[in-house]
Amino acid sequence: MNTNQHTEESFDEKQSLLLIREMIQVSQNKLKNDGILFILWGWLLFSISFLTFLQSKIDIPYPAKQIMSYVMAAIFFLIVIYSVYYILRQRKKVQTYIGISLRYVWISLVVCLVLINVILFNVLGTFNVRLQHAVFMVFMAFAVLVTGGILRYDPLIFGGVIFGFLAFFSSYLSIENQLLMESIAWLIAFIIPGHVLYSKRNKTPNHV
């Protein structure tokens, strides 16, 4: 009887490990399609931070700045609309626990960013942009690293580590140079992994 019980426990353990592997694989396959969101948001945030950095270093005529601001605002709202549409469309498909967990990670990130800004303002009595920007980068590094760890996707893990390192390095810099560091972080953590993921979307079957 003990032998049978041991066999059943061993079988259940193997089944559990197999199920976890399958869930990770399904989520990784789904992420290959979701790579389009990494690409869109990565290029948008890279452009915003890098263009703002350039404006602080180069004398750009005011009309040109206004045009760039309007264009970036329009692109931002279009990406928001597309992201909402994409997420709602994906919710109609089969959901995995890993996919749901990742959704909570990123929703929690947004909520925590709002809270940390409010808390810093309450404590400091003013908006310290240099401090808040570095803290923002730390939270982004955490979310990217957790996402990569859950999905066992090395480029995201590497991107999260680099994001965190650049956040620490940015704390020694002016806000203008912090924006340059942020643009590099978006390139490494979002844009490159996003393009790699999206390029693989048709190479493996999508089970979700």
N, C-alpha and C. Protein backbone atom coordinates (compact mmCIF):
# COMPACT_ATOMS: atom_id res chain seq x y z
N MET A 1 0.83 -1.21 0.00
CA MET A 1 0.00 0.00 0.00
C MET A 1 0.86 1.25 0.00
N ASN A 2 1.95 1.21 0.81
CA ASN A 2 2.87 2.34 0.85
C ASN A 2 3.53 2.55 -0.51
N THR A 3 3.80 1.43 -1.18
CA THR A 3 4.41 1.52 -2.51
C THR A 3 3.47 2.20 -3.49
N ASN A 4 2.18 1.80 -3.44
CA ASN A 4 1.19 2.42 -4.31
C ASN A 4 1.04 3.91 -4.02
N GLN A 5 1.04 4.25 -2.71
CA GLN A 5 0.88 5.66 -2.33
C GLN A 5 2.08 6.47 -2.82
N HIS A 6 3.29 5.89 -2.68
CA HIS A 6 4.49 6.57 -3.13
C HIS A 6 4.46 6.77 -4.64
N THR A 7 3.97 5.74 -5.35
CA THR A 7 3.88 5.83 -6.81
C THR A 7 2.90 6.92 -7.24
N GLU A 8 1.74 6.97 -6.55
CA GLU A 8 0.74 7.98 -6.87
C GLU A 8 1.27 9.39 -6.60
N GLU A 9 2.00 9.55 -5.45
CA GLU A 9 2.55 10.86 -5.13
C GLU A 9 3.59 11.29 -6.16
N SER A 10 4.42 10.31 -6.59
CA SER A 10 5.43 10.60 -7.60
C SER A 10 4.77 10.96 -8.92
N PHE A 11 3.68 10.25 -9.25
CA PHE A 11 2.97 10.51 -10.49
C PHE A 11 2.32 11.89 -10.46
N ASP A 12 1.71 12.21 -9.30
CA ASP A 12 1.08 13.52 -9.17
C ASP A 12 2.11 14.64 -9.27
N GLU A 13 3.29 14.40 -8.70
CA GLU A 13 4.35 15.41 -8.77
C GLU A 13 4.80 15.62 -10.21
N LYS A 14 4.95 14.52 -10.93
CA LYS A 14 5.35 14.63 -12.33
C LYS A 14 4.28 15.32 -13.16
N GLN A 15 3.02 15.00 -12.86
CA GLN A 15 1.92 15.66 -13.57
C GLN A 15 1.92 17.16 -13.30
N SER A 16 2.15 17.52 -12.04
CA SER A 16 2.16 18.94 -11.67
C SER A 16 3.28 19.68 -12.39
N LEU A 17 4.48 19.08 -12.42
CA LEU A 17 5.60 19.70 -13.11
C LEU A 17 5.32 19.83 -14.60
N LEU A 18 4.71 18.79 -15.17
CA LEU A 18 4.37 18.82 -16.60
C LEU A 18 3.35 19.91 -16.88
N LEU A 19 2.36 20.03 -15.99
CA LEU A 19 1.33 21.05 -16.16
C LEU A 19 1.93 22.46 -16.10
N ILE A 20 2.86 22.65 -15.14
CA ILE A 20 3.51 23.95 -15.00
C ILE A 20 4.31 24.28 -16.25
N ARG A 21 5.04 23.28 -16.77
CA ARG A 21 5.82 23.50 -18.00
C ARG A 21 4.91 23.85 -19.17
N GLU A 22 3.78 23.14 -19.27
CA GLU A 22 2.84 23.41 -20.36
C GLU A 22 2.26 24.82 -20.24
N MET A 23 1.94 25.23 -19.01
CA MET A 23 1.40 26.56 -18.80
C MET A 23 2.41 27.64 -19.19
N ILE A 24 3.67 27.42 -18.82
CA ILE A 24 4.72 28.37 -19.19
C ILE A 24 4.88 28.42 -20.70
N GLN A 25 4.84 27.24 -21.35
CA GLN A 25 5.00 27.18 -22.79
C GLN A 25 3.85 27.89 -23.50
N VAL A 26 2.63 27.67 -23.01
CA VAL A 26 1.46 28.33 -23.60
C VAL A 26 1.59 29.85 -23.46
N SER A 27 2.00 30.29 -22.27
CA SER A 27 2.15 31.73 -22.04
C SER A 27 3.27 32.31 -22.89
N GLN A 28 4.36 31.55 -23.08
CA GLN A 28 5.45 32.02 -23.92
C GLN A 28 4.99 32.15 -25.37
N ASN A 29 4.21 31.18 -25.83
CA ASN A 29 3.69 31.25 -27.19
C ASN A 29 2.75 32.44 -27.36
N LYS A 30 1.92 32.67 -26.35
CA LYS A 30 1.01 33.81 -26.39
C LYS A 30 1.80 35.11 -26.37
N LEU A 31 2.89 35.13 -25.60
CA LEU A 31 3.69 36.33 -25.48
C LEU A 31 4.31 36.71 -26.82
N LYS A 32 4.53 35.74 -27.68
CA LYS A 32 5.09 36.04 -28.99
C LYS A 32 4.15 36.93 -29.79
N ASN A 33 2.85 36.73 -29.65
CA ASN A 33 1.89 37.63 -30.28
C ASN A 33 1.81 38.95 -29.52
N ASP A 34 1.93 38.86 -28.18
CA ASP A 34 1.88 40.07 -27.37
C ASP A 34 3.12 40.94 -27.56
N GLY A 35 4.12 40.40 -28.26
CA GLY A 35 5.32 41.18 -28.52
C GLY A 35 5.03 42.49 -29.22
N ILE A 36 3.91 42.56 -29.93
CA ILE A 36 3.53 43.81 -30.61
C ILE A 36 3.31 44.93 -29.60
N LEU A 37 2.82 44.60 -28.40
CA LEU A 37 2.62 45.62 -27.37
C LEU A 37 3.96 46.10 -26.83
N PHE A 38 4.90 45.19 -26.66
CA PHE A 38 6.24 45.59 -26.24
C PHE A 38 6.86 46.53 -27.27
N ILE A 39 6.66 46.20 -28.56
CA ILE A 39 7.22 47.04 -29.63
C ILE A 39 6.60 48.42 -29.62
N LEU A 40 5.27 48.49 -29.59
CA LEU A 40 4.58 49.77 -29.65
C LEU A 40 4.91 50.66 -28.46
N TRP A 41 4.76 50.10 -27.24
CA TRP A 41 5.03 50.89 -26.04
C TRP A 41 6.52 51.18 -25.89
N GLY A 42 7.36 50.24 -26.30
CA GLY A 42 8.79 50.46 -26.22
C GLY A 42 9.25 51.62 -27.08
N TRP A 43 8.79 51.63 -28.35
CA TRP A 43 9.17 52.72 -29.25
C TRP A 43 8.56 54.05 -28.83
N LEU A 44 7.33 54.01 -28.32
CA LEU A 44 6.69 55.24 -27.87
C LEU A 44 7.46 55.85 -26.69
N LEU A 45 7.73 55.05 -25.66
CA LEU A 45 8.40 55.55 -24.46
C LEU A 45 9.85 55.91 -24.76
N PHE A 46 10.48 55.15 -25.64
CA PHE A 46 11.84 55.49 -26.08
C PHE A 46 11.84 56.85 -26.77
N SER A 47 10.87 57.06 -27.67
CA SER A 47 10.79 58.32 -28.41
C SER A 47 10.54 59.51 -27.49
N ILE A 48 9.63 59.32 -26.53
CA ILE A 48 9.31 60.42 -25.61
C ILE A 48 10.54 60.81 -24.79
N SER A 49 11.20 59.83 -24.20
CA SER A 49 12.35 60.13 -23.35
C SER A 49 13.52 60.67 -24.17
N PHE A 50 13.77 60.09 -25.35
CA PHE A 50 14.92 60.52 -26.15
C PHE A 50 14.68 61.90 -26.77
N LEU A 51 13.47 62.15 -27.25
CA LEU A 51 13.17 63.46 -27.82
C LEU A 51 13.22 64.55 -26.75
N THR A 52 12.74 64.23 -25.56
CA THR A 52 12.82 65.20 -24.45
C THR A 52 14.27 65.48 -24.10
N PHE A 53 15.11 64.45 -24.12
CA PHE A 53 16.54 64.64 -23.89
C PHE A 53 17.14 65.54 -24.96
N LEU A 54 16.80 65.29 -26.23
CA LEU A 54 17.34 66.10 -27.32
C LEU A 54 16.91 67.56 -27.20
N GLN A 55 15.66 67.77 -26.81
CA GLN A 55 15.16 69.14 -26.67
C GLN A 55 15.92 69.91 -25.59
N SER A 56 16.43 69.18 -24.59
CA SER A 56 17.19 69.84 -23.53
C SER A 56 18.61 70.17 -23.96
N LYS A 57 19.07 69.53 -25.04
CA LYS A 57 20.45 69.72 -25.50
C LYS A 57 20.53 70.53 -26.78
N ILE A 58 19.46 70.53 -27.56
CA ILE A 58 19.47 71.20 -28.86
C ILE A 58 18.39 72.28 -28.88
N ASP A 59 18.74 73.41 -29.46
CA ASP A 59 17.79 74.52 -29.56
C ASP A 59 16.83 74.25 -30.72
N ILE A 60 15.66 73.71 -30.39
CA ILE A 60 14.65 73.39 -31.39
C ILE A 60 13.61 74.51 -31.42
N PRO A 61 13.26 75.00 -32.60
CA PRO A 61 12.26 76.08 -32.68
C PRO A 61 10.95 75.68 -32.00
N TYR A 62 10.31 76.67 -31.40
CA TYR A 62 9.07 76.41 -30.65
C TYR A 62 7.99 75.73 -31.50
N PRO A 63 7.74 76.20 -32.75
CA PRO A 63 6.71 75.52 -33.57
C PRO A 63 7.01 74.04 -33.78
N ALA A 64 8.30 73.71 -33.96
CA ALA A 64 8.67 72.30 -34.15
C ALA A 64 8.41 71.50 -32.88
N LYS A 65 8.69 72.09 -31.72
CA LYS A 65 8.40 71.43 -30.46
C LYS A 65 6.91 71.16 -30.31
N GLN A 66 6.10 72.14 -30.68
CA GLN A 66 4.65 71.98 -30.58
C GLN A 66 4.15 70.87 -31.48
N ILE A 67 4.68 70.83 -32.69
CA ILE A 67 4.27 69.79 -33.63
C ILE A 67 4.64 68.41 -33.09
N MET A 68 5.86 68.30 -32.56
CA MET A 68 6.30 67.01 -31.99
C MET A 68 5.42 66.61 -30.81
N SER A 69 5.05 67.57 -29.99
CA SER A 69 4.19 67.28 -28.84
C SER A 69 2.83 66.77 -29.27
N TYR A 70 2.25 67.41 -30.29
CA TYR A 70 0.94 66.98 -30.79
C TYR A 70 1.01 65.60 -31.42
N VAL A 71 2.08 65.37 -32.18
CA VAL A 71 2.24 64.06 -32.84
C VAL A 71 2.39 62.96 -31.79
N MET A 72 3.24 63.19 -30.77
CA MET A 72 3.46 62.18 -29.75
C MET A 72 2.19 61.93 -28.94
N ALA A 73 1.42 62.99 -28.67
CA ALA A 73 0.16 62.84 -27.94
C ALA A 73 -0.82 62.00 -28.74
N ALA A 74 -0.90 62.26 -30.06
CA ALA A 74 -1.80 61.50 -30.92
C ALA A 74 -1.40 60.03 -30.97
N ILE A 75 -0.09 59.78 -31.12
CA ILE A 75 0.40 58.40 -31.16
C ILE A 75 0.12 57.70 -29.84
N PHE A 76 0.31 58.42 -28.72
CA PHE A 76 0.06 57.85 -27.40
C PHE A 76 -1.39 57.37 -27.27
N PHE A 77 -2.34 58.23 -27.65
CA PHE A 77 -3.75 57.85 -27.54
C PHE A 77 -4.11 56.71 -28.49
N LEU A 78 -3.52 56.68 -29.67
CA LEU A 78 -3.77 55.58 -30.60
C LEU A 78 -3.26 54.25 -30.03
N ILE A 79 -2.09 54.29 -29.41
CA ILE A 79 -1.54 53.07 -28.82
C ILE A 79 -2.37 52.61 -27.63
N VAL A 80 -2.85 53.57 -26.82
CA VAL A 80 -3.73 53.22 -25.70
C VAL A 80 -4.99 52.54 -26.21
N ILE A 81 -5.60 53.11 -27.23
CA ILE A 81 -6.83 52.54 -27.80
C ILE A 81 -6.57 51.14 -28.35
N TYR A 82 -5.47 50.99 -29.09
CA TYR A 82 -5.15 49.68 -29.65
C TYR A 82 -4.87 48.66 -28.53
N SER A 83 -4.15 49.09 -27.49
CA SER A 83 -3.82 48.18 -26.38
C SER A 83 -5.08 47.69 -25.68
N VAL A 84 -6.03 48.60 -25.44
CA VAL A 84 -7.29 48.21 -24.80
C VAL A 84 -8.04 47.23 -25.69
N TYR A 85 -8.10 47.53 -26.98
CA TYR A 85 -8.77 46.64 -27.94
C TYR A 85 -8.10 45.26 -27.95
N TYR A 86 -6.76 45.25 -27.98
CA TYR A 86 -6.01 44.00 -28.03
C TYR A 86 -6.25 43.16 -26.78
N ILE A 87 -6.20 43.81 -25.61
CA ILE A 87 -6.39 43.09 -24.34
C ILE A 87 -7.80 42.53 -24.24
N LEU A 88 -8.80 43.32 -24.64
CA LEU A 88 -10.19 42.85 -24.60
C LEU A 88 -10.40 41.68 -25.55
N ARG A 89 -9.76 41.73 -26.72
CA ARG A 89 -9.87 40.62 -27.67
C ARG A 89 -9.22 39.36 -27.13
N GLN A 90 -8.06 39.53 -26.44
CA GLN A 90 -7.38 38.37 -25.88
C GLN A 90 -8.15 37.74 -24.73
N ARG A 91 -8.93 38.56 -24.01
CA ARG A 91 -9.70 38.03 -22.87
C ARG A 91 -10.78 37.06 -23.31
N LYS A 92 -11.16 37.13 -24.58
CA LYS A 92 -12.17 36.21 -25.09
C LYS A 92 -11.61 34.81 -25.31
N LYS A 93 -10.27 34.72 -25.31
CA LYS A 93 -9.62 33.43 -25.51
C LYS A 93 -9.36 32.77 -24.15
N VAL A 94 -8.82 31.55 -24.19
CA VAL A 94 -8.53 30.82 -22.97
C VAL A 94 -7.45 31.56 -22.18
N GLN A 95 -7.68 31.74 -20.89
CA GLN A 95 -6.74 32.43 -20.02
C GLN A 95 -5.94 31.42 -19.21
N THR A 96 -4.68 31.73 -18.96
CA THR A 96 -3.84 30.89 -18.10
C THR A 96 -3.57 31.64 -16.80
N TYR A 97 -3.21 30.87 -15.77
CA TYR A 97 -2.90 31.50 -14.49
C TYR A 97 -1.69 32.42 -14.62
N ILE A 98 -0.74 32.03 -15.45
CA ILE A 98 0.45 32.86 -15.64
C ILE A 98 0.07 34.16 -16.33
N GLY A 99 -0.79 34.07 -17.35
CA GLY A 99 -1.24 35.28 -18.03
C GLY A 99 -1.98 36.23 -17.10
N ILE A 100 -2.83 35.67 -16.26
CA ILE A 100 -3.58 36.48 -15.29
C ILE A 100 -2.62 37.10 -14.27
N SER A 101 -1.63 36.32 -13.84
CA SER A 101 -0.65 36.83 -12.87
C SER A 101 0.12 38.01 -13.45
N LEU A 102 0.52 37.90 -14.71
CA LEU A 102 1.26 38.99 -15.35
C LEU A 102 0.40 40.24 -15.47
N ARG A 103 -0.88 40.04 -15.72
CA ARG A 103 -1.79 41.19 -15.81
C ARG A 103 -1.82 41.94 -14.49
N TYR A 104 -1.86 41.17 -13.39
CA TYR A 104 -1.88 41.81 -12.07
C TYR A 104 -0.55 42.50 -11.77
N VAL A 105 0.55 41.94 -12.26
CA VAL A 105 1.86 42.57 -12.05
C VAL A 105 1.87 43.97 -12.65
N TRP A 106 1.38 44.10 -13.89
CA TRP A 106 1.45 45.39 -14.58
C TRP A 106 0.39 46.35 -14.09
N ILE A 107 -0.78 45.84 -13.70
CA ILE A 107 -1.79 46.73 -13.10
C ILE A 107 -1.28 47.25 -11.77
N SER A 108 -0.65 46.37 -10.98
CA SER A 108 -0.09 46.79 -9.69
C SER A 108 1.01 47.82 -9.89
N LEU A 109 1.78 47.67 -10.97
CA LEU A 109 2.84 48.63 -11.26
C LEU A 109 2.27 50.03 -11.42
N VAL A 110 1.22 50.14 -12.23
CA VAL A 110 0.61 51.46 -12.49
C VAL A 110 0.08 52.06 -11.19
N VAL A 111 -0.61 51.24 -10.39
CA VAL A 111 -1.17 51.73 -9.12
C VAL A 111 -0.05 52.18 -8.19
N CYS A 112 1.04 51.38 -8.10
CA CYS A 112 2.16 51.72 -7.21
C CYS A 112 2.87 52.99 -7.66
N LEU A 113 2.97 53.19 -8.96
CA LEU A 113 3.61 54.42 -9.46
C LEU A 113 2.81 55.65 -9.05
N VAL A 114 1.49 55.55 -9.14
CA VAL A 114 0.64 56.67 -8.72
C VAL A 114 0.81 56.92 -7.23
N LEU A 115 0.78 55.84 -6.45
CA LEU A 115 0.89 55.97 -4.99
C LEU A 115 2.24 56.54 -4.57
N ILE A 116 3.31 56.06 -5.19
CA ILE A 116 4.64 56.53 -4.80
C ILE A 116 4.82 58.00 -5.10
N ASN A 117 4.23 58.48 -6.20
CA ASN A 117 4.31 59.90 -6.53
C ASN A 117 3.54 60.73 -5.51
N VAL A 118 2.37 60.25 -5.10
CA VAL A 118 1.58 60.96 -4.09
C VAL A 118 2.30 60.98 -2.75
N ILE A 119 2.88 59.83 -2.37
CA ILE A 119 3.60 59.73 -1.09
C ILE A 119 4.82 60.65 -1.08
N LEU A 120 5.59 60.64 -2.17
CA LEU A 120 6.77 61.50 -2.24
C LEU A 120 6.38 62.97 -2.15
N PHE A 121 5.28 63.32 -2.80
CA PHE A 121 4.82 64.72 -2.73
C PHE A 121 4.39 65.08 -1.31
N ASN A 122 3.69 64.16 -0.65
CA ASN A 122 3.24 64.42 0.73
C ASN A 122 4.42 64.58 1.69
N VAL A 123 5.47 63.77 1.49
CA VAL A 123 6.62 63.81 2.38
C VAL A 123 7.52 65.02 2.08
N LEU A 124 7.79 65.24 0.79
CA LEU A 124 8.72 66.29 0.41
C LEU A 124 8.05 67.65 0.29
N GLY A 125 6.75 67.66 0.08
CA GLY A 125 6.03 68.92 -0.08
C GLY A 125 6.21 69.54 -1.44
N THR A 126 6.86 68.82 -2.35
CA THR A 126 7.07 69.31 -3.71
C THR A 126 7.35 68.12 -4.61
N PHE A 127 7.31 68.35 -5.92
CA PHE A 127 7.64 67.30 -6.87
C PHE A 127 9.13 67.34 -7.16
N ASN A 128 9.85 66.34 -6.70
CA ASN A 128 11.28 66.20 -7.00
C ASN A 128 11.40 65.28 -8.21
N VAL A 129 11.43 65.89 -9.39
CA VAL A 129 11.39 65.11 -10.63
C VAL A 129 12.58 64.19 -10.75
N ARG A 130 13.74 64.65 -10.33
CA ARG A 130 14.96 63.84 -10.42
C ARG A 130 14.84 62.57 -9.59
N LEU A 131 14.29 62.68 -8.39
CA LEU A 131 14.09 61.51 -7.53
C LEU A 131 12.97 60.62 -8.06
N GLN A 132 11.85 61.23 -8.41
CA GLN A 132 10.70 60.45 -8.86
C GLN A 132 10.98 59.68 -10.14
N HIS A 133 11.77 60.27 -11.01
CA HIS A 133 12.08 59.59 -12.27
C HIS A 133 12.94 58.35 -12.03
N ALA A 134 13.93 58.47 -11.14
CA ALA A 134 14.77 57.31 -10.81
C ALA A 134 13.95 56.20 -10.14
N VAL A 135 13.03 56.59 -9.26
CA VAL A 135 12.16 55.62 -8.59
C VAL A 135 11.24 54.94 -9.62
N PHE A 136 10.72 55.72 -10.57
CA PHE A 136 9.89 55.17 -11.64
C PHE A 136 10.65 54.10 -12.41
N MET A 137 11.91 54.35 -12.70
CA MET A 137 12.72 53.38 -13.44
C MET A 137 12.94 52.10 -12.62
N VAL A 138 13.07 52.25 -11.31
CA VAL A 138 13.24 51.07 -10.44
C VAL A 138 11.99 50.19 -10.50
N PHE A 139 10.81 50.80 -10.42
CA PHE A 139 9.57 50.03 -10.49
C PHE A 139 9.42 49.35 -11.84
N MET A 140 9.81 50.04 -12.92
CA MET A 140 9.74 49.43 -14.24
C MET A 140 10.69 48.24 -14.33
N ALA A 141 11.88 48.40 -13.76
CA ALA A 141 12.85 47.30 -13.76
C ALA A 141 12.28 46.08 -13.04
N PHE A 142 11.61 46.32 -11.91
CA PHE A 142 11.00 45.23 -11.15
C PHE A 142 9.95 44.49 -11.98
N ALA A 143 9.06 45.25 -12.65
CA ALA A 143 7.99 44.62 -13.43
C ALA A 143 8.54 43.82 -14.60
N VAL A 144 9.54 44.37 -15.29
CA VAL A 144 10.13 43.67 -16.43
C VAL A 144 10.84 42.40 -15.95
N LEU A 145 11.58 42.51 -14.85
CA LEU A 145 12.31 41.35 -14.32
C LEU A 145 11.36 40.24 -13.86
N VAL A 146 10.28 40.61 -13.17
CA VAL A 146 9.30 39.63 -12.72
C VAL A 146 8.63 38.96 -13.92
N THR A 147 8.29 39.75 -14.94
CA THR A 147 7.67 39.19 -16.15
C THR A 147 8.59 38.19 -16.81
N GLY A 148 9.86 38.57 -16.97
CA GLY A 148 10.82 37.65 -17.58
C GLY A 148 11.04 36.41 -16.75
N GLY A 149 11.05 36.56 -15.41
CA GLY A 149 11.24 35.40 -14.54
C GLY A 149 10.09 34.44 -14.60
N ILE A 150 8.86 34.96 -14.59
CA ILE A 150 7.68 34.09 -14.66
C ILE A 150 7.64 33.32 -15.96
N LEU A 151 8.02 33.99 -17.05
CA LEU A 151 7.95 33.37 -18.36
C LEU A 151 9.22 32.63 -18.75
N ARG A 152 10.25 32.70 -17.87
CA ARG A 152 11.53 32.07 -18.17
C ARG A 152 12.08 32.59 -19.50
N TYR A 153 11.95 33.90 -19.72
CA TYR A 153 12.40 34.51 -20.98
C TYR A 153 13.61 35.39 -20.69
N ASP A 154 14.79 34.89 -21.07
CA ASP A 154 16.05 35.54 -20.69
C ASP A 154 16.20 36.98 -21.16
N PRO A 155 15.79 37.34 -22.40
CA PRO A 155 15.94 38.75 -22.81
C PRO A 155 15.19 39.72 -21.90
N LEU A 156 14.02 39.33 -21.41
CA LEU A 156 13.29 40.20 -20.49
C LEU A 156 13.98 40.27 -19.13
N ILE A 157 14.50 39.14 -18.66
CA ILE A 157 15.23 39.13 -17.39
C ILE A 157 16.45 40.04 -17.49
N PHE A 158 17.19 39.89 -18.58
CA PHE A 158 18.36 40.73 -18.81
C PHE A 158 17.95 42.20 -18.91
N GLY A 159 16.85 42.47 -19.62
CA GLY A 159 16.36 43.83 -19.75
C GLY A 159 15.98 44.43 -18.42
N GLY A 160 15.36 43.63 -17.55
CA GLY A 160 14.98 44.12 -16.22
C GLY A 160 16.20 44.46 -15.37
N VAL A 161 17.23 43.62 -15.47
CA VAL A 161 18.47 43.87 -14.71
C VAL A 161 19.13 45.16 -15.20
N ILE A 162 19.21 45.33 -16.51
CA ILE A 162 19.82 46.54 -17.07
C ILE A 162 19.00 47.77 -16.70
N PHE A 163 17.67 47.64 -16.74
CA PHE A 163 16.79 48.75 -16.36
C PHE A 163 17.09 49.18 -14.92
N GLY A 164 17.24 48.20 -14.03
CA GLY A 164 17.54 48.50 -12.64
C GLY A 164 18.90 49.16 -12.46
N PHE A 165 19.90 48.64 -13.18
CA PHE A 165 21.23 49.24 -13.11
C PHE A 165 21.21 50.68 -13.60
N LEU A 166 20.52 50.94 -14.72
CA LEU A 166 20.43 52.30 -15.25
C LEU A 166 19.65 53.22 -14.32
N ALA A 167 18.67 52.66 -13.60
CA ALA A 167 17.92 53.46 -12.62
C ALA A 167 18.86 53.92 -11.50
N PHE A 168 19.69 52.99 -11.01
CA PHE A 168 20.66 53.34 -9.96
C PHE A 168 21.66 54.38 -10.47
N PHE A 169 22.18 54.15 -11.66
CA PHE A 169 23.15 55.08 -12.25
C PHE A 169 22.52 56.46 -12.48
N SER A 170 21.23 56.47 -12.84
CA SER A 170 20.54 57.73 -13.11
C SER A 170 20.40 58.60 -11.87
N SER A 171 20.42 57.98 -10.69
CA SER A 171 20.26 58.76 -9.46
C SER A 171 21.41 59.74 -9.25
N TYR A 172 22.53 59.54 -9.96
CA TYR A 172 23.67 60.44 -9.88
C TYR A 172 23.63 61.53 -10.96
N LEU A 173 22.64 61.45 -11.85
CA LEU A 173 22.61 62.33 -13.01
C LEU A 173 21.51 63.38 -12.91
N SER A 174 21.60 64.37 -13.77
CA SER A 174 20.54 65.37 -13.89
C SER A 174 19.34 64.72 -14.56
N ILE A 175 18.19 65.36 -14.47
CA ILE A 175 16.97 64.80 -15.06
C ILE A 175 17.11 64.65 -16.58
N GLU A 176 17.84 65.58 -17.22
CA GLU A 176 18.03 65.49 -18.67
C GLU A 176 18.79 64.23 -19.04
N ASN A 177 19.88 63.95 -18.32
CA ASN A 177 20.66 62.75 -18.62
C ASN A 177 19.96 61.48 -18.14
N GLN A 178 19.09 61.60 -17.15
CA GLN A 178 18.27 60.46 -16.75
C GLN A 178 17.38 60.01 -17.90
N LEU A 179 16.88 60.97 -18.65
CA LEU A 179 16.03 60.65 -19.79
C LEU A 179 16.80 59.87 -20.85
N LEU A 180 18.06 60.19 -21.03
CA LEU A 180 18.89 59.42 -21.96
C LEU A 180 19.05 57.99 -21.47
N MET A 181 19.29 57.81 -20.17
CA MET A 181 19.42 56.48 -19.60
C MET A 181 18.11 55.69 -19.74
N GLU A 182 16.99 56.41 -19.57
CA GLU A 182 15.69 55.75 -19.70
C GLU A 182 15.46 55.27 -21.12
N SER A 183 15.83 56.10 -22.10
CA SER A 183 15.63 55.70 -23.49
C SER A 183 16.45 54.46 -23.83
N ILE A 184 17.67 54.38 -23.28
CA ILE A 184 18.49 53.17 -23.48
C ILE A 184 17.82 51.96 -22.82
N ALA A 185 17.24 52.19 -21.64
CA ALA A 185 16.56 51.10 -20.93
C ALA A 185 15.37 50.57 -21.72
N TRP A 186 14.58 51.47 -22.30
CA TRP A 186 13.43 51.02 -23.12
C TRP A 186 13.90 50.21 -24.31
N LEU A 187 15.01 50.64 -24.91
CA LEU A 187 15.53 49.92 -26.07
C LEU A 187 15.91 48.49 -25.71
N ILE A 188 16.60 48.34 -24.58
CA ILE A 188 17.09 47.02 -24.18
C ILE A 188 15.99 46.14 -23.58
N ALA A 189 15.10 46.75 -22.78
CA ALA A 189 14.12 45.96 -22.02
C ALA A 189 12.82 45.70 -22.77
N PHE A 190 12.44 46.59 -23.69
CA PHE A 190 11.15 46.45 -24.38
C PHE A 190 11.31 46.23 -25.87
N ILE A 191 12.04 47.12 -26.54
CA ILE A 191 12.06 47.12 -28.01
C ILE A 191 12.73 45.87 -28.56
N ILE A 192 13.95 45.58 -28.11
CA ILE A 192 14.66 44.41 -28.64
C ILE A 192 13.94 43.11 -28.31
N PRO A 193 13.55 42.85 -27.03
CA PRO A 193 12.79 41.62 -26.76
C PRO A 193 11.47 41.56 -27.53
N GLY A 194 10.82 42.71 -27.68
CA GLY A 194 9.54 42.74 -28.41
C GLY A 194 9.70 42.32 -29.85
N HIS A 195 10.72 42.84 -30.52
CA HIS A 195 10.96 42.48 -31.92
C HIS A 195 11.35 41.01 -32.05
N VAL A 196 12.16 40.52 -31.10
CA VAL A 196 12.56 39.11 -31.14
C VAL A 196 11.33 38.21 -30.96
N LEU A 197 10.48 38.55 -30.00
CA LEU A 197 9.27 37.77 -29.76
C LEU A 197 8.35 37.78 -30.97
N TYR A 198 8.12 38.97 -31.50
CA TYR A 198 7.15 39.10 -32.60
C TYR A 198 7.65 38.40 -33.86
N SER A 199 8.95 38.36 -34.04
CA SER A 199 9.51 37.69 -35.22
C SER A 199 9.32 36.17 -35.15
N LYS A 200 9.11 35.65 -33.93
CA LYS A 200 8.95 34.20 -33.74
C LYS A 200 7.49 33.75 -33.71
N ARG A 201 6.56 34.70 -33.90
CA ARG A 201 5.15 34.37 -33.67
C ARG A 201 4.61 33.32 -34.61
N ASN A 202 5.17 33.19 -35.83
CA ASN A 202 4.68 32.22 -36.79
C ASN A 202 5.53 30.95 -36.85
N LYS A 203 6.60 30.92 -36.01
CA LYS A 203 7.49 29.79 -36.04
C LYS A 203 7.07 28.65 -35.13
N THR A 204 6.22 28.98 -34.13
CA THR A 204 5.71 27.94 -33.24
C THR A 204 4.21 28.10 -33.14
N PRO A 205 3.46 27.01 -32.97
CA PRO A 205 2.02 27.10 -32.89
C PRO A 205 1.58 27.86 -31.64
N ASN A 206 0.53 28.67 -31.79
CA ASN A 206 -0.02 29.41 -30.66
C ASN A 206 -1.22 28.65 -30.12
N HIS A 207 -1.13 28.22 -28.87
CA HIS A 207 -2.18 27.37 -28.30
C HIS A 207 -3.24 28.16 -27.56
N VAL A 208 -3.13 29.46 -27.51
CA VAL A 208 -4.08 30.24 -26.73
C VAL A 208 -5.03 30.94 -27.64
